[in-house]
């Protein structure tokens, strides 16, 4: 018998790929599922901010909200080989992640695609369903 409460989303690692060749660039990012407390808190804050804005949604507010959700959804990163960002391998901080996402929007795009693939958060690292 399968216990329903054992079917839970788990964090997962993805390899960031070159936008033209799709070859891994050497940056592995750990994504948190939407059920993670950090992600849920960011989601609630975004909704509260929208409700408090009384319909005054601007492009910059939308972009800020998108970035806030992406930052909340990243649980770790690993810089492999000789890959650097401005000459260093930065530790994961909200500030460092925001800088990478702002300068390299193609990474944000990949994170959004992977975060939208909800089923992958329910698979083991070997690709089997959890």
C-alpha atoms as a PDB file:
ATOM      1  CA  UNK A   1       0.000   0.000   0.000  1.00  0.00           C
ATOM      2  CA  UNK A   2       1.259   3.474  -0.832  1.00  0.00           C
ATOM      3  CA  UNK A   3       0.852   6.186   1.763  1.00  0.00           C
ATOM      4  CA  UNK A   4      -0.402   9.359   0.058  1.00  0.00           C
ATOM      5  CA  UNK A   5       1.587  11.602   2.392  1.00  0.00           C
ATOM      6  CA  UNK A   6       4.846  10.103   1.115  1.00  0.00           C
ATOM      7  CA  UNK A   7       4.314  11.711  -2.297  1.00  0.00           C
ATOM      8  CA  UNK A   8       6.092  15.011  -1.767  1.00  0.00           C
ATOM      9  CA  UNK A   9       8.086  17.354  -3.958  1.00  0.00           C
ATOM     10  CA  UNK A  10      11.838  17.500  -3.373  1.00  0.00           C
ATOM     11  CA  UNK A  11      14.557  19.913  -4.408  1.00  0.00           C
ATOM     12  CA  UNK A  12      16.416  19.063  -7.593  1.00  0.00           C
ATOM     13  CA  UNK A  13      19.597  20.095  -9.344  1.00  0.00           C
ATOM     14  CA  UNK A  14      19.755  21.333 -12.919  1.00  0.00           C
ATOM     15  CA  UNK A  15      22.695  22.133 -15.152  1.00  0.00           C
ATOM     16  CA  UNK A  16      22.560  25.546 -16.805  1.00  0.00           C
ATOM     17  CA  UNK A  17      23.087  25.221 -20.555  1.00  0.00           C
ATOM     18  CA  UNK A  18      24.595  27.517 -23.156  1.00  0.00           C
ATOM     19  CA  UNK A  19      21.646  29.265 -24.834  1.00  0.00           C
ATOM     20  CA  UNK A  20      22.877  28.489 -28.356  1.00  0.00           C
ATOM     21  CA  UNK A  21      24.514  25.063 -28.065  1.00  0.00           C
ATOM     22  CA  UNK A  22      22.628  23.656 -25.058  1.00  0.00           C
ATOM     23  CA  UNK A  23      25.947  22.332 -23.729  1.00  0.00           C
ATOM     24  CA  UNK A  24      26.294  22.522 -19.940  1.00  0.00           C
ATOM     25  CA  UNK A  25      28.298  25.627 -19.004  1.00  0.00           C
ATOM     26  CA  UNK A  26      29.489  24.346 -15.623  1.00  0.00           C
ATOM     27  CA  UNK A  27      26.890  25.930 -13.358  1.00  0.00           C
ATOM     28  CA  UNK A  28      24.630  23.581 -11.419  1.00  0.00           C
ATOM     29  CA  UNK A  29      21.687  25.143  -9.579  1.00  0.00           C
ATOM     30  CA  UNK A  30      19.539  23.482  -6.934  1.00  0.00           C
ATOM     31  CA  UNK A  31      15.876  24.395  -7.292  1.00  0.00           C
ATOM     32  CA  UNK A  32      13.396  24.288  -4.435  1.00  0.00           C
ATOM     33  CA  UNK A  33       9.834  23.049  -5.027  1.00  0.00           C
ATOM     34  CA  UNK A  34       6.929  25.473  -4.736  1.00  0.00           C
ATOM     35  CA  UNK A  35       5.950  23.762  -1.473  1.00  0.00           C
ATOM     36  CA  UNK A  36       9.218  24.802   0.233  1.00  0.00           C
ATOM     37  CA  UNK A  37       8.643  27.340   3.056  1.00  0.00           C
ATOM     38  CA  UNK A  38      11.049  29.875   1.495  1.00  0.00           C
ATOM     39  CA  UNK A  39       9.216  29.752  -1.847  1.00  0.00           C
ATOM     40  CA  UNK A  40       5.776  29.870  -0.226  1.00  0.00           C
ATOM     41  CA  UNK A  41       6.776  32.931   1.815  1.00  0.00           C
ATOM     42  CA  UNK A  42       7.983  34.742  -1.320  1.00  0.00           C
ATOM     43  CA  UNK A  43       4.778  33.811  -3.133  1.00  0.00           C
ATOM     44  CA  UNK A  44       2.629  35.157  -0.289  1.00  0.00           C
ATOM     45  CA  UNK A  45       4.673  38.369  -0.179  1.00  0.00           C
ATOM     46  CA  UNK A  46       4.250  38.864  -3.930  1.00  0.00           C
ATOM     47  CA  UNK A  47       0.495  38.375  -3.637  1.00  0.00           C
ATOM     48  CA  UNK A  48       0.297  40.739  -0.653  1.00  0.00           C
ATOM     49  CA  UNK A  49       2.286  43.364  -2.566  1.00  0.00           C
ATOM     50  CA  UNK A  50      -0.096  43.086  -5.531  1.00  0.00           C
ATOM     51  CA  UNK A  51      -3.142  43.377  -3.315  1.00  0.00           C
ATOM     52  CA  UNK A  52      -1.697  46.397  -1.502  1.00  0.00           C
ATOM     53  CA  UNK A  53      -0.830  48.063  -4.816  1.00  0.00           C
ATOM     54  CA  UNK A  54      -4.529  48.463  -5.649  1.00  0.00           C
ATOM     55  CA  UNK A  55      -4.065  47.609  -9.306  1.00  0.00           C
ATOM     56  CA  UNK A  56      -0.966  49.741  -9.837  1.00  0.00           C
ATOM     57  CA  UNK A  57       1.144  47.061 -11.445  1.00  0.00           C
ATOM     58  CA  UNK A  58       4.140  48.344 -13.394  1.00  0.00           C
ATOM     59  CA  UNK A  59       6.658  46.552 -15.582  1.00  0.00           C
ATOM     60  CA  UNK A  60       9.403  47.166 -13.034  1.00  0.00           C
ATOM     61  CA  UNK A  61       7.244  45.722 -10.241  1.00  0.00           C
ATOM     62  CA  UNK A  62       6.520  42.667 -12.384  1.00  0.00           C
ATOM     63  CA  UNK A  63      10.225  42.196 -13.116  1.00  0.00           C
ATOM     64  CA  UNK A  64      11.079  42.614  -9.424  1.00  0.00           C
ATOM     65  CA  UNK A  65       8.432  40.038  -8.489  1.00  0.00           C
ATOM     66  CA  UNK A  66       9.793  37.583 -11.050  1.00  0.00           C
ATOM     67  CA  UNK A  67      13.321  37.990  -9.716  1.00  0.00           C
ATOM     68  CA  UNK A  68      12.153  37.675  -6.100  1.00  0.00           C
ATOM     69  CA  UNK A  69      10.447  34.359  -6.895  1.00  0.00           C
ATOM     70  CA  UNK A  70      13.500  33.032  -8.742  1.00  0.00           C
ATOM     71  CA  UNK A  71      15.814  33.998  -5.879  1.00  0.00           C
ATOM     72  CA  UNK A  72      13.497  32.302  -3.376  1.00  0.00           C
ATOM     73  CA  UNK A  73      13.420  29.171  -5.553  1.00  0.00           C
ATOM     74  CA  UNK A  74      17.201  28.657  -5.628  1.00  0.00           C
ATOM     75  CA  UNK A  75      18.585  26.576  -2.785  1.00  0.00           C
ATOM     76  CA  UNK A  76      22.186  26.334  -3.917  1.00  0.00           C
ATOM     77  CA  UNK A  77      24.653  26.534  -6.767  1.00  0.00           C
ATOM     78  CA  UNK A  78      27.908  24.900  -7.749  1.00  0.00           C
ATOM     79  CA  UNK A  79      30.475  26.473 -10.067  1.00  0.00           C
ATOM     80  CA  UNK A  80      32.355  23.668 -11.820  1.00  0.00           C
ATOM     81  CA  UNK A  81      35.693  23.638 -13.586  1.00  0.00           C
ATOM     82  CA  UNK A  82      37.064  27.003 -14.629  1.00  0.00           C
ATOM     83  CA  UNK A  83      33.663  28.715 -14.921  1.00  0.00           C
ATOM     84  CA  UNK A  84      33.615  32.140 -13.267  1.00  0.00           C
ATOM     85  CA  UNK A  85      31.436  35.250 -13.065  1.00  0.00           C
ATOM     86  CA  UNK A  86      33.490  38.452 -13.349  1.00  0.00           C
ATOM     87  CA  UNK A  87      36.591  36.431 -12.486  1.00  0.00           C
ATOM     88  CA  UNK A  88      35.343  34.625  -9.388  1.00  0.00           C
ATOM     89  CA  UNK A  89      33.115  31.796  -8.224  1.00  0.00           C
ATOM     90  CA  UNK A  90      30.678  33.695  -6.002  1.00  0.00           C
ATOM     91  CA  UNK A  91      29.121  32.200  -2.910  1.00  0.00           C
ATOM     92  CA  UNK A  92      25.357  31.966  -3.118  1.00  0.00           C
ATOM     93  CA  UNK A  93      23.795  35.073  -1.636  1.00  0.00           C
ATOM     94  CA  UNK A  94      20.602  36.811  -2.696  1.00  0.00           C
ATOM     95  CA  UNK A  95      22.703  39.732  -3.932  1.00  0.00           C
ATOM     96  CA  UNK A  96      25.060  37.556  -6.004  1.00  0.00           C
ATOM     97  CA  UNK A  97      22.177  35.586  -7.491  1.00  0.00           C
ATOM     98  CA  UNK A  98      20.284  38.772  -8.387  1.00  0.00           C
ATOM     99  CA  UNK A  99      23.395  40.110 -10.131  1.00  0.00           C
ATOM    100  CA  UNK A 100      23.814  36.927 -12.191  1.00  0.00           C
ATOM    101  CA  UNK A 101      20.122  36.875 -13.140  1.00  0.00           C
ATOM    102  CA  UNK A 102      20.113  40.567 -14.075  1.00  0.00           C
ATOM    103  CA  UNK A 103      23.222  40.354 -16.258  1.00  0.00           C
ATOM    104  CA  UNK A 104      22.377  36.967 -17.792  1.00  0.00           C
ATOM    105  CA  UNK A 105      18.605  36.823 -18.374  1.00  0.00           C
ATOM    106  CA  UNK A 106      18.942  33.568 -20.295  1.00  0.00           C
ATOM    107  CA  UNK A 107      19.702  31.895 -16.951  1.00  0.00           C
ATOM    108  CA  UNK A 108      16.451  33.293 -15.520  1.00  0.00           C
ATOM    109  CA  UNK A 109      14.617  31.894 -18.537  1.00  0.00           C
ATOM    110  CA  UNK A 110      16.050  28.415 -17.941  1.00  0.00           C
ATOM    111  CA  UNK A 111      15.154  28.530 -14.252  1.00  0.00           C
ATOM    112  CA  UNK A 112      11.569  29.512 -15.054  1.00  0.00           C
ATOM    113  CA  UNK A 113      11.201  26.643 -17.523  1.00  0.00           C
ATOM    114  CA  UNK A 114      12.566  24.129 -15.026  1.00  0.00           C
ATOM    115  CA  UNK A 115      10.462  25.499 -12.159  1.00  0.00           C
ATOM    116  CA  UNK A 116       7.391  25.162 -14.367  1.00  0.00           C
ATOM    117  CA  UNK A 117       8.092  21.455 -14.875  1.00  0.00           C
ATOM    118  CA  UNK A 118       6.437  20.466 -11.602  1.00  0.00           C
ATOM    119  CA  UNK A 119       6.546  16.705 -12.223  1.00  0.00           C
ATOM    120  CA  UNK A 120      10.354  16.737 -12.112  1.00  0.00           C
ATOM    121  CA  UNK A 121      10.221  17.700  -8.423  1.00  0.00           C
ATOM    122  CA  UNK A 122       8.495  14.366  -7.755  1.00  0.00           C
ATOM    123  CA  UNK A 123      11.212  12.203  -9.335  1.00  0.00           C
ATOM    124  CA  UNK A 124      14.270  10.723  -7.694  1.00  0.00           C
ATOM    125  CA  UNK A 125      17.704  11.831  -8.959  1.00  0.00           C
ATOM    126  CA  UNK A 126      17.748   8.633 -11.032  1.00  0.00           C
ATOM    127  CA  UNK A 127      14.585   9.759 -12.840  1.00  0.00           C
ATOM    128  CA  UNK A 128      12.140   7.461 -11.071  1.00  0.00           C
ATOM    129  CA  UNK A 129       8.904   8.755  -9.583  1.00  0.00           C
ATOM    130  CA  UNK A 130       9.148   9.463  -5.859  1.00  0.00           C
END
